[in-house]
Amino acid sequence: MESVLEGYIKNVEKTVSLLREDVKVIRTGRATPALVEGLQVETYAGQAKLKLLELASITTEGPAAILIVPFDVNTTSDIERAILKSALGLSPQTQGNKIVVKVPSLSQEQREKLIKFVSQKVEDKRQIIRNHRDEARRKLRVLLDSKAVNEDTKFRAEKEIDNISQKAMEEIQQIKENKEKEIQEV
């Protein structure tokens, strides 16, 4: 029974963590290194596909610009190409050995689309947690049927699973509300 609970907790924590990562890269009106650091950059004549974070130092330059300084100057054009190809709608400008990416403010329509996108991501993660909960309950039923646990133990474990689910759903809701608030800031 403990392994069922431990597995469930691990799956729920992973799901919440993935949601945090997903919403971290969603563009807001503010420049943030997280916006571009996960971009895949095909570099060294297609020999390697690395995250931008592995190829350059990324910082902000004021509230509306991201400064990227490649560790290897030869990767500058590859980094630019990756930013242009991304769905972020950003345009990089090379200035010597650094790249400056201006982050334009969002229109109201873009903000609404992003909020819908965040809501969809959140709902997907909620469904994943529900699926994990149902799987954990199925495993408990199997343990009960095989007489590995008694009815009281199964009931307590299900109550624990419900508590974990409730806390995870509250945490997910908080992540959603924080990101929506961040998107709405002008």
N, C-alpha and C. Protein backbone atom coordinates (compact mmCIF):
# COMPACT_ATOMS: atom_id res chain seq x y z
N MET A 1 0.82 -1.19 0.00
CA MET A 1 0.00 0.00 0.00
C MET A 1 0.87 1.26 0.00
N GLU A 2 1.96 1.23 0.77
CA GLU A 2 2.85 2.39 0.82
C GLU A 2 3.42 2.71 -0.56
N SER A 3 3.74 1.66 -1.33
CA SER A 3 4.31 1.90 -2.66
C SER A 3 3.28 2.57 -3.57
N VAL A 4 2.01 2.24 -3.39
CA VAL A 4 0.95 2.88 -4.19
C VAL A 4 0.90 4.37 -3.87
N LEU A 5 0.92 4.71 -2.57
CA LEU A 5 0.89 6.11 -2.17
C LEU A 5 2.14 6.85 -2.61
N GLU A 6 3.30 6.23 -2.43
CA GLU A 6 4.56 6.88 -2.83
C GLU A 6 4.58 7.13 -4.34
N GLY A 7 4.14 6.14 -5.11
CA GLY A 7 4.09 6.31 -6.56
C GLY A 7 3.13 7.41 -6.96
N TYR A 8 2.00 7.48 -6.28
CA TYR A 8 1.02 8.52 -6.58
C TYR A 8 1.57 9.90 -6.25
N ILE A 9 2.18 10.04 -5.08
CA ILE A 9 2.77 11.32 -4.69
C ILE A 9 3.83 11.75 -5.69
N LYS A 10 4.67 10.82 -6.09
CA LYS A 10 5.73 11.13 -7.06
C LYS A 10 5.13 11.61 -8.39
N ASN A 11 4.10 10.93 -8.86
CA ASN A 11 3.45 11.31 -10.12
C ASN A 11 2.80 12.69 -10.03
N VAL A 12 2.15 12.96 -8.91
CA VAL A 12 1.48 14.26 -8.73
C VAL A 12 2.51 15.38 -8.68
N GLU A 13 3.59 15.17 -7.92
CA GLU A 13 4.64 16.19 -7.83
C GLU A 13 5.26 16.46 -9.20
N LYS A 14 5.47 15.41 -9.96
CA LYS A 14 6.04 15.56 -11.30
C LYS A 14 5.09 16.36 -12.20
N THR A 15 3.81 16.08 -12.12
CA THR A 15 2.82 16.78 -12.93
C THR A 15 2.77 18.26 -12.60
N VAL A 16 2.78 18.60 -11.31
CA VAL A 16 2.76 20.00 -10.89
C VAL A 16 4.04 20.69 -11.34
N SER A 17 5.16 20.00 -11.22
CA SER A 17 6.45 20.56 -11.64
C SER A 17 6.46 20.83 -13.15
N LEU A 18 5.90 19.91 -13.92
CA LEU A 18 5.82 20.10 -15.37
C LEU A 18 4.95 21.31 -15.72
N LEU A 19 3.87 21.50 -14.98
CA LEU A 19 3.02 22.67 -15.22
C LEU A 19 3.80 23.95 -14.95
N ARG A 20 4.56 23.96 -13.85
CA ARG A 20 5.38 25.14 -13.54
C ARG A 20 6.33 25.46 -14.70
N GLU A 21 6.97 24.41 -15.23
CA GLU A 21 7.90 24.60 -16.35
C GLU A 21 7.15 25.09 -17.59
N ASP A 22 5.98 24.52 -17.85
CA ASP A 22 5.19 24.91 -19.02
C ASP A 22 4.80 26.39 -18.97
N VAL A 23 4.31 26.85 -17.82
CA VAL A 23 3.84 28.24 -17.76
C VAL A 23 4.99 29.23 -17.62
N LYS A 24 6.14 28.75 -17.17
CA LYS A 24 7.29 29.65 -17.02
C LYS A 24 7.72 30.23 -18.36
N VAL A 25 7.58 29.46 -19.42
CA VAL A 25 8.04 29.92 -20.73
C VAL A 25 6.95 30.63 -21.54
N ILE A 26 5.76 30.73 -20.99
CA ILE A 26 4.70 31.46 -21.69
C ILE A 26 4.98 32.94 -21.59
N ARG A 27 4.96 33.58 -22.72
CA ARG A 27 5.34 34.98 -22.81
C ARG A 27 4.37 35.89 -22.09
N THR A 28 4.93 36.83 -21.36
CA THR A 28 4.14 37.90 -20.77
C THR A 28 4.67 39.18 -21.39
N GLY A 29 4.23 40.31 -20.96
CA GLY A 29 4.72 41.57 -21.52
C GLY A 29 6.10 41.95 -21.01
N ARG A 30 6.65 41.15 -20.13
CA ARG A 30 7.92 41.46 -19.49
C ARG A 30 9.02 40.52 -20.00
N ALA A 31 10.22 41.06 -20.16
CA ALA A 31 11.36 40.25 -20.59
C ALA A 31 11.82 39.38 -19.43
N THR A 32 12.05 38.12 -19.71
CA THR A 32 12.57 37.20 -18.70
C THR A 32 13.42 36.13 -19.40
N PRO A 33 14.57 35.77 -18.83
CA PRO A 33 15.43 34.76 -19.45
C PRO A 33 14.70 33.43 -19.67
N ALA A 34 13.76 33.09 -18.81
CA ALA A 34 13.03 31.82 -18.94
C ALA A 34 12.28 31.73 -20.26
N LEU A 35 12.01 32.87 -20.86
CA LEU A 35 11.28 32.91 -22.12
C LEU A 35 12.04 32.19 -23.24
N VAL A 36 13.36 32.31 -23.23
CA VAL A 36 14.16 31.76 -24.34
C VAL A 36 15.13 30.66 -23.93
N GLU A 37 15.39 30.49 -22.65
CA GLU A 37 16.46 29.58 -22.25
C GLU A 37 16.23 28.12 -22.64
N GLY A 38 15.00 27.72 -22.83
CA GLY A 38 14.71 26.34 -23.20
C GLY A 38 14.65 26.09 -24.70
N LEU A 39 14.83 27.15 -25.51
CA LEU A 39 14.78 26.98 -26.97
C LEU A 39 15.85 26.01 -27.45
N GLN A 40 15.46 25.13 -28.36
CA GLN A 40 16.41 24.19 -28.95
C GLN A 40 17.15 24.88 -30.09
N VAL A 41 18.47 24.84 -30.05
CA VAL A 41 19.29 25.49 -31.07
C VAL A 41 20.07 24.41 -31.80
N GLU A 42 19.85 24.34 -33.11
CA GLU A 42 20.62 23.41 -33.93
C GLU A 42 21.91 24.13 -34.31
N THR A 43 23.03 23.58 -33.89
CA THR A 43 24.28 24.30 -34.06
C THR A 43 25.40 23.38 -34.53
N TYR A 44 26.54 23.97 -34.80
CA TYR A 44 27.72 23.25 -35.31
C TYR A 44 27.35 22.43 -36.54
N ALA A 45 26.79 23.14 -37.53
CA ALA A 45 26.40 22.57 -38.83
C ALA A 45 25.47 21.37 -38.66
N GLY A 46 24.52 21.49 -37.74
CA GLY A 46 23.54 20.43 -37.54
C GLY A 46 24.06 19.27 -36.72
N GLN A 47 25.26 19.35 -36.21
CA GLN A 47 25.86 18.26 -35.44
C GLN A 47 25.27 18.14 -34.03
N ALA A 48 24.79 19.26 -33.50
CA ALA A 48 24.28 19.23 -32.13
C ALA A 48 23.00 20.04 -32.01
N LYS A 49 22.12 19.60 -31.13
CA LYS A 49 20.89 20.33 -30.83
C LYS A 49 20.90 20.55 -29.32
N LEU A 50 21.16 21.79 -28.93
CA LEU A 50 21.32 22.13 -27.52
C LEU A 50 20.32 23.19 -27.10
N LYS A 51 20.06 23.25 -25.81
CA LYS A 51 19.22 24.33 -25.29
C LYS A 51 20.02 25.62 -25.31
N LEU A 52 19.35 26.72 -25.53
CA LEU A 52 20.01 28.02 -25.57
C LEU A 52 20.78 28.28 -24.28
N LEU A 53 20.25 27.84 -23.18
CA LEU A 53 20.91 28.01 -21.88
C LEU A 53 22.30 27.37 -21.85
N GLU A 54 22.49 26.30 -22.64
CA GLU A 54 23.78 25.61 -22.69
C GLU A 54 24.77 26.31 -23.61
N LEU A 55 24.27 27.24 -24.44
CA LEU A 55 25.12 27.89 -25.43
C LEU A 55 25.45 29.34 -25.11
N ALA A 56 24.73 29.94 -24.16
CA ALA A 56 24.91 31.37 -23.94
C ALA A 56 24.52 31.78 -22.53
N SER A 57 25.01 32.94 -22.16
CA SER A 57 24.59 33.59 -20.92
C SER A 57 23.36 34.43 -21.26
N ILE A 58 22.30 34.30 -20.47
CA ILE A 58 21.04 34.99 -20.77
C ILE A 58 20.66 35.85 -19.57
N THR A 59 20.48 37.14 -19.81
CA THR A 59 20.06 38.07 -18.76
C THR A 59 19.03 39.04 -19.34
N THR A 60 18.44 39.83 -18.47
CA THR A 60 17.52 40.86 -18.97
C THR A 60 18.25 42.19 -19.03
N GLU A 61 17.82 42.99 -19.96
CA GLU A 61 18.36 44.33 -20.12
C GLU A 61 17.17 45.28 -20.03
N GLY A 62 16.80 45.61 -18.83
CA GLY A 62 15.60 46.41 -18.63
C GLY A 62 14.37 45.52 -18.69
N PRO A 63 13.19 46.11 -18.60
CA PRO A 63 11.96 45.31 -18.57
C PRO A 63 11.51 44.80 -19.94
N ALA A 64 12.13 45.29 -21.02
CA ALA A 64 11.62 44.93 -22.35
C ALA A 64 12.67 44.31 -23.26
N ALA A 65 13.81 43.87 -22.73
CA ALA A 65 14.83 43.28 -23.60
C ALA A 65 15.57 42.15 -22.88
N ILE A 66 15.95 41.15 -23.67
CA ILE A 66 16.74 40.03 -23.18
C ILE A 66 18.10 40.12 -23.85
N LEU A 67 19.15 39.98 -23.06
CA LEU A 67 20.52 40.04 -23.58
C LEU A 67 21.10 38.63 -23.57
N ILE A 68 21.56 38.20 -24.75
CA ILE A 68 22.12 36.87 -24.90
C ILE A 68 23.57 37.02 -25.35
N VAL A 69 24.50 36.45 -24.58
CA VAL A 69 25.92 36.50 -24.93
C VAL A 69 26.38 35.05 -25.13
N PRO A 70 26.58 34.65 -26.40
CA PRO A 70 26.99 33.28 -26.69
C PRO A 70 28.38 32.98 -26.11
N PHE A 71 28.56 31.77 -25.62
CA PHE A 71 29.87 31.35 -25.12
C PHE A 71 30.83 31.19 -26.30
N ASP A 72 30.31 30.76 -27.44
CA ASP A 72 31.08 30.59 -28.67
C ASP A 72 30.47 31.52 -29.71
N VAL A 73 31.25 32.50 -30.18
CA VAL A 73 30.75 33.49 -31.14
C VAL A 73 30.24 32.83 -32.42
N ASN A 74 30.76 31.65 -32.76
CA ASN A 74 30.34 30.95 -33.98
C ASN A 74 28.89 30.47 -33.92
N THR A 75 28.30 30.44 -32.74
CA THR A 75 26.91 29.98 -32.61
C THR A 75 25.90 31.11 -32.68
N THR A 76 26.36 32.35 -32.84
CA THR A 76 25.47 33.51 -32.83
C THR A 76 24.35 33.39 -33.87
N SER A 77 24.71 33.07 -35.11
CA SER A 77 23.69 32.99 -36.17
C SER A 77 22.72 31.82 -35.92
N ASP A 78 23.22 30.73 -35.35
CA ASP A 78 22.35 29.59 -35.02
C ASP A 78 21.33 29.97 -33.94
N ILE A 79 21.79 30.74 -32.97
CA ILE A 79 20.91 31.20 -31.89
C ILE A 79 19.84 32.13 -32.46
N GLU A 80 20.26 33.06 -33.31
CA GLU A 80 19.30 33.97 -33.95
C GLU A 80 18.24 33.19 -34.72
N ARG A 81 18.69 32.21 -35.49
CA ARG A 81 17.78 31.40 -36.30
C ARG A 81 16.76 30.67 -35.41
N ALA A 82 17.22 30.13 -34.29
CA ALA A 82 16.32 29.41 -33.38
C ALA A 82 15.27 30.34 -32.79
N ILE A 83 15.67 31.56 -32.45
CA ILE A 83 14.72 32.53 -31.89
C ILE A 83 13.68 32.91 -32.94
N LEU A 84 14.14 33.13 -34.18
CA LEU A 84 13.21 33.49 -35.25
C LEU A 84 12.24 32.36 -35.57
N LYS A 85 12.71 31.11 -35.52
CA LYS A 85 11.87 29.96 -35.83
C LYS A 85 10.86 29.65 -34.72
N SER A 86 11.15 30.11 -33.51
CA SER A 86 10.28 29.79 -32.37
C SER A 86 8.91 30.45 -32.55
N ALA A 87 7.95 29.98 -31.80
CA ALA A 87 6.59 30.52 -31.87
C ALA A 87 6.42 31.75 -30.97
N LEU A 88 7.52 32.28 -30.47
CA LEU A 88 7.44 33.40 -29.54
C LEU A 88 7.18 34.74 -30.22
N GLY A 89 7.45 34.82 -31.52
CA GLY A 89 7.22 36.08 -32.23
C GLY A 89 8.22 37.16 -31.86
N LEU A 90 9.45 36.76 -31.55
CA LEU A 90 10.49 37.71 -31.18
C LEU A 90 11.48 37.86 -32.32
N SER A 91 12.11 39.05 -32.41
CA SER A 91 13.12 39.24 -33.44
C SER A 91 14.43 39.69 -32.79
N PRO A 92 15.46 38.86 -32.92
CA PRO A 92 16.76 39.17 -32.32
C PRO A 92 17.56 40.15 -33.16
N GLN A 93 18.42 40.92 -32.50
CA GLN A 93 19.31 41.84 -33.19
C GLN A 93 20.72 41.60 -32.67
N THR A 94 21.66 41.36 -33.59
CA THR A 94 23.04 41.14 -33.18
C THR A 94 23.74 42.48 -33.03
N GLN A 95 24.42 42.63 -31.92
CA GLN A 95 25.20 43.84 -31.65
C GLN A 95 26.58 43.40 -31.20
N GLY A 96 27.49 43.26 -32.16
CA GLY A 96 28.83 42.78 -31.85
C GLY A 96 28.78 41.31 -31.50
N ASN A 97 29.25 40.96 -30.30
CA ASN A 97 29.25 39.56 -29.89
C ASN A 97 28.06 39.20 -28.99
N LYS A 98 27.04 40.04 -28.99
CA LYS A 98 25.85 39.75 -28.19
C LYS A 98 24.59 39.89 -29.03
N ILE A 99 23.53 39.29 -28.54
CA ILE A 99 22.24 39.34 -29.22
C ILE A 99 21.25 40.00 -28.26
N VAL A 100 20.52 40.99 -28.77
CA VAL A 100 19.50 41.66 -27.98
C VAL A 100 18.14 41.28 -28.57
N VAL A 101 17.26 40.82 -27.71
CA VAL A 101 15.91 40.44 -28.14
C VAL A 101 14.93 41.37 -27.44
N LYS A 102 14.28 42.22 -28.23
CA LYS A 102 13.27 43.12 -27.68
C LYS A 102 11.98 42.33 -27.49
N VAL A 103 11.36 42.50 -26.35
CA VAL A 103 10.10 41.82 -26.05
C VAL A 103 8.99 42.86 -26.10
N PRO A 104 8.21 42.87 -27.20
CA PRO A 104 7.14 43.86 -27.32
C PRO A 104 6.02 43.58 -26.33
N SER A 105 5.31 44.62 -25.97
CA SER A 105 4.17 44.42 -25.06
C SER A 105 3.06 43.69 -25.80
N LEU A 106 2.22 43.01 -25.05
CA LEU A 106 1.16 42.20 -25.64
C LEU A 106 -0.10 43.03 -25.87
N SER A 107 -0.80 42.73 -26.96
CA SER A 107 -2.10 43.36 -27.19
C SER A 107 -3.13 42.63 -26.32
N GLN A 108 -4.30 43.21 -26.17
CA GLN A 108 -5.35 42.58 -25.36
C GLN A 108 -5.75 41.23 -25.96
N GLU A 109 -5.80 41.16 -27.28
CA GLU A 109 -6.15 39.90 -27.95
C GLU A 109 -5.11 38.82 -27.65
N GLN A 110 -3.82 39.19 -27.70
CA GLN A 110 -2.77 38.23 -27.39
C GLN A 110 -2.87 37.77 -25.93
N ARG A 111 -3.17 38.70 -25.05
CA ARG A 111 -3.32 38.35 -23.63
C ARG A 111 -4.44 37.33 -23.44
N GLU A 112 -5.57 37.55 -24.11
CA GLU A 112 -6.70 36.63 -24.00
C GLU A 112 -6.34 35.24 -24.53
N LYS A 113 -5.61 35.20 -25.65
CA LYS A 113 -5.18 33.91 -26.20
C LYS A 113 -4.25 33.19 -25.24
N LEU A 114 -3.33 33.94 -24.64
CA LEU A 114 -2.40 33.33 -23.69
C LEU A 114 -3.12 32.80 -22.46
N ILE A 115 -4.11 33.53 -21.99
CA ILE A 115 -4.88 33.08 -20.83
C ILE A 115 -5.63 31.79 -21.16
N LYS A 116 -6.19 31.71 -22.37
CA LYS A 116 -6.86 30.47 -22.80
C LYS A 116 -5.86 29.33 -22.87
N PHE A 117 -4.65 29.63 -23.38
CA PHE A 117 -3.60 28.63 -23.49
C PHE A 117 -3.20 28.12 -22.10
N VAL A 118 -3.03 29.03 -21.16
CA VAL A 118 -2.70 28.65 -19.78
C VAL A 118 -3.81 27.78 -19.20
N SER A 119 -5.05 28.18 -19.43
CA SER A 119 -6.19 27.41 -18.92
C SER A 119 -6.19 25.99 -19.49
N GLN A 120 -5.85 25.87 -20.77
CA GLN A 120 -5.80 24.55 -21.39
C GLN A 120 -4.69 23.69 -20.77
N LYS A 121 -3.52 24.29 -20.57
CA LYS A 121 -2.40 23.57 -19.94
C LYS A 121 -2.80 23.10 -18.54
N VAL A 122 -3.45 23.98 -17.79
CA VAL A 122 -3.88 23.65 -16.43
C VAL A 122 -4.89 22.50 -16.46
N GLU A 123 -5.85 22.58 -17.36
CA GLU A 123 -6.86 21.53 -17.44
C GLU A 123 -6.23 20.19 -17.83
N ASP A 124 -5.24 20.22 -18.74
CA ASP A 124 -4.53 18.99 -19.11
C ASP A 124 -3.86 18.36 -17.89
N LYS A 125 -3.22 19.18 -17.08
CA LYS A 125 -2.52 18.67 -15.89
C LYS A 125 -3.53 18.17 -14.85
N ARG A 126 -4.66 18.84 -14.73
CA ARG A 126 -5.70 18.36 -13.80
C ARG A 126 -6.17 16.97 -14.22
N GLN A 127 -6.36 16.79 -15.52
CA GLN A 127 -6.81 15.49 -16.03
C GLN A 127 -5.75 14.42 -15.76
N ILE A 128 -4.49 14.77 -15.92
CA ILE A 128 -3.42 13.81 -15.65
C ILE A 128 -3.45 13.40 -14.18
N ILE A 129 -3.65 14.37 -13.29
CA ILE A 129 -3.72 14.05 -11.85
C ILE A 129 -4.93 13.15 -11.57
N ARG A 130 -6.06 13.43 -12.20
CA ARG A 130 -7.24 12.57 -12.01
C ARG A 130 -6.95 11.15 -12.48
N ASN A 131 -6.25 11.04 -13.62
CA ASN A 131 -5.90 9.71 -14.13
C ASN A 131 -4.97 8.98 -13.16
N HIS A 132 -3.99 9.69 -12.61
CA HIS A 132 -3.09 9.08 -11.62
C HIS A 132 -3.88 8.64 -10.38
N ARG A 133 -4.83 9.47 -9.95
CA ARG A 133 -5.66 9.14 -8.79
C ARG A 133 -6.47 7.86 -9.06
N ASP A 134 -7.07 7.79 -10.24
CA ASP A 134 -7.87 6.61 -10.59
C ASP A 134 -7.00 5.36 -10.65
N GLU A 135 -5.79 5.50 -11.18
CA GLU A 135 -4.86 4.37 -11.26
C GLU A 135 -4.46 3.90 -9.85
N ALA A 136 -4.18 4.85 -8.96
CA ALA A 136 -3.82 4.50 -7.58
C ALA A 136 -4.99 3.77 -6.90
N ARG A 137 -6.20 4.23 -7.14
CA ARG A 137 -7.37 3.57 -6.54
C ARG A 137 -7.55 2.16 -7.10
N ARG A 138 -7.29 1.99 -8.40
CA ARG A 138 -7.38 0.65 -9.00
C ARG A 138 -6.36 -0.29 -8.34
N LYS A 139 -5.15 0.23 -8.12
CA LYS A 139 -4.11 -0.59 -7.47
C LYS A 139 -4.53 -0.97 -6.05
N LEU A 140 -5.17 -0.05 -5.35
CA LEU A 140 -5.65 -0.36 -4.00
C LEU A 140 -6.73 -1.45 -4.03
N ARG A 141 -7.62 -1.39 -5.02
CA ARG A 141 -8.66 -2.42 -5.15
C ARG A 141 -8.03 -3.79 -5.40
N VAL A 142 -6.98 -3.81 -6.24
CA VAL A 142 -6.29 -5.07 -6.51
C VAL A 142 -5.67 -5.62 -5.22
N LEU A 143 -5.06 -4.72 -4.43
CA LEU A 143 -4.48 -5.15 -3.15
C LEU A 143 -5.56 -5.69 -2.21
N LEU A 144 -6.72 -5.04 -2.20
CA LEU A 144 -7.83 -5.50 -1.35
C LEU A 144 -8.33 -6.87 -1.83
N ASP A 145 -8.49 -7.01 -3.14
CA ASP A 145 -8.97 -8.28 -3.69
C ASP A 145 -8.01 -9.43 -3.41
N SER A 146 -6.72 -9.12 -3.40
CA SER A 146 -5.73 -10.17 -3.15
C SER A 146 -5.47 -10.34 -1.64
N LYS A 147 -6.26 -9.65 -0.83
CA LYS A 147 -6.18 -9.74 0.64
C LYS A 147 -4.85 -9.20 1.19
N ALA A 148 -4.13 -8.38 0.41
CA ALA A 148 -2.88 -7.78 0.88
C ALA A 148 -3.16 -6.64 1.86
N VAL A 149 -4.33 -6.02 1.73
CA VAL A 149 -4.75 -4.98 2.68
C VAL A 149 -6.21 -5.23 3.05
N ASN A 150 -6.62 -4.70 4.20
CA ASN A 150 -8.02 -4.85 4.60
C ASN A 150 -8.81 -3.61 4.17
N GLU A 151 -10.11 -3.66 4.39
CA GLU A 151 -11.01 -2.59 3.94
C GLU A 151 -10.68 -1.25 4.60
N ASP A 152 -10.35 -1.27 5.90
CA ASP A 152 -10.01 -0.03 6.62
C ASP A 152 -8.75 0.62 6.05
N THR A 153 -7.75 -0.18 5.79
CA THR A 153 -6.49 0.34 5.23
C THR A 153 -6.73 0.94 3.86
N LYS A 154 -7.53 0.26 3.04
CA LYS A 154 -7.85 0.78 1.71
C LYS A 154 -8.58 2.12 1.84
N PHE A 155 -9.52 2.20 2.77
CA PHE A 155 -10.29 3.43 2.97
C PHE A 155 -9.36 4.58 3.39
N ARG A 156 -8.45 4.31 4.34
CA ARG A 156 -7.51 5.35 4.78
C ARG A 156 -6.60 5.79 3.63
N ALA A 157 -6.14 4.85 2.84
CA ALA A 157 -5.28 5.18 1.71
C ALA A 157 -6.03 6.02 0.67
N GLU A 158 -7.28 5.67 0.42
CA GLU A 158 -8.08 6.46 -0.53
C GLU A 158 -8.30 7.88 -0.01
N LYS A 159 -8.50 8.00 1.29
CA LYS A 159 -8.67 9.33 1.90
C LYS A 159 -7.37 10.14 1.73
N GLU A 160 -6.23 9.50 1.93
CA GLU A 160 -4.93 10.16 1.75
C GLU A 160 -4.74 10.58 0.29
N ILE A 161 -5.12 9.71 -0.63
CA ILE A 161 -5.03 10.03 -2.06
C ILE A 161 -5.90 11.23 -2.39
N ASP A 162 -7.11 11.27 -1.84
CA ASP A 162 -8.01 12.41 -2.07
C ASP A 162 -7.42 13.70 -1.51
N ASN A 163 -6.80 13.64 -0.32
CA ASN A 163 -6.17 14.83 0.26
C ASN A 163 -5.01 15.33 -0.60
N ILE A 164 -4.20 14.41 -1.09
CA ILE A 164 -3.08 14.78 -1.96
C ILE A 164 -3.60 15.41 -3.24
N SER A 165 -4.65 14.81 -3.80
CA SER A 165 -5.26 15.35 -5.03
C SER A 165 -5.78 16.76 -4.81
N GLN A 166 -6.46 16.96 -3.69
CA GLN A 166 -7.03 18.27 -3.38
C GLN A 166 -5.93 19.32 -3.26
N LYS A 167 -4.85 19.00 -2.56
CA LYS A 167 -3.74 19.94 -2.41
C LYS A 167 -3.10 20.25 -3.76
N ALA A 168 -2.94 19.23 -4.59
CA ALA A 168 -2.35 19.43 -5.91
C ALA A 168 -3.24 20.32 -6.78
N MET A 169 -4.54 20.11 -6.72
CA MET A 169 -5.48 20.92 -7.49
C MET A 169 -5.45 22.38 -7.03
N GLU A 170 -5.32 22.58 -5.72
CA GLU A 170 -5.22 23.95 -5.20
C GLU A 170 -3.93 24.61 -5.66
N GLU A 171 -2.84 23.85 -5.65
CA GLU A 171 -1.55 24.38 -6.10
C GLU A 171 -1.60 24.74 -7.59
N ILE A 172 -2.22 23.88 -8.38
CA ILE A 172 -2.37 24.13 -9.81
C ILE A 172 -3.21 25.38 -10.04
N GLN A 173 -4.28 25.53 -9.27
CA GLN A 173 -5.13 26.71 -9.40
C GLN A 173 -4.34 27.97 -9.07
N GLN A 174 -3.49 27.91 -8.06
CA GLN A 174 -2.67 29.06 -7.68
C GLN A 174 -1.68 29.41 -8.78
N ILE A 175 -1.07 28.40 -9.39
CA ILE A 175 -0.15 28.63 -10.51
C ILE A 175 -0.89 29.33 -11.64
N LYS A 176 -2.10 28.85 -11.94
CA LYS A 176 -2.91 29.43 -13.01
C LYS A 176 -3.23 30.90 -12.71
N GLU A 177 -3.70 31.17 -11.50
CA GLU A 177 -4.07 32.54 -11.14
C GLU A 177 -2.86 33.48 -11.19
N ASN A 178 -1.72 33.01 -10.72
CA ASN A 178 -0.51 33.84 -10.75
C ASN A 178 -0.09 34.15 -12.18
N LYS A 179 -0.15 33.15 -13.06
CA LYS A 179 0.26 33.38 -14.45
C LYS A 179 -0.73 34.30 -15.16
N GLU A 180 -2.02 34.13 -14.92
CA GLU A 180 -3.02 35.01 -15.53
C GLU A 180 -2.82 36.45 -15.07
N LYS A 181 -2.53 36.62 -13.80
CA LYS A 181 -2.27 37.96 -13.27
C LYS A 181 -1.03 38.57 -13.94
N GLU A 182 -0.01 37.75 -14.10
CA GLU A 182 1.23 38.20 -14.75
C GLU A 182 0.97 38.59 -16.21
N ILE A 183 0.15 37.83 -16.90
CA ILE A 183 -0.17 38.12 -18.31
C ILE A 183 -0.97 39.42 -18.41
N GLN A 184 -1.86 39.66 -17.47
CA GLN A 184 -2.72 40.86 -17.52
C GLN A 184 -1.98 42.15 -17.16
N GLU A 185 -0.83 42.03 -16.49
CA GLU A 185 -0.07 43.24 -16.14
C GLU A 185 0.40 43.94 -17.40
N VAL A 186 0.25 45.25 -17.43
CA VAL A 186 0.66 46.02 -18.60
C VAL A 186 2.00 46.67 -18.34
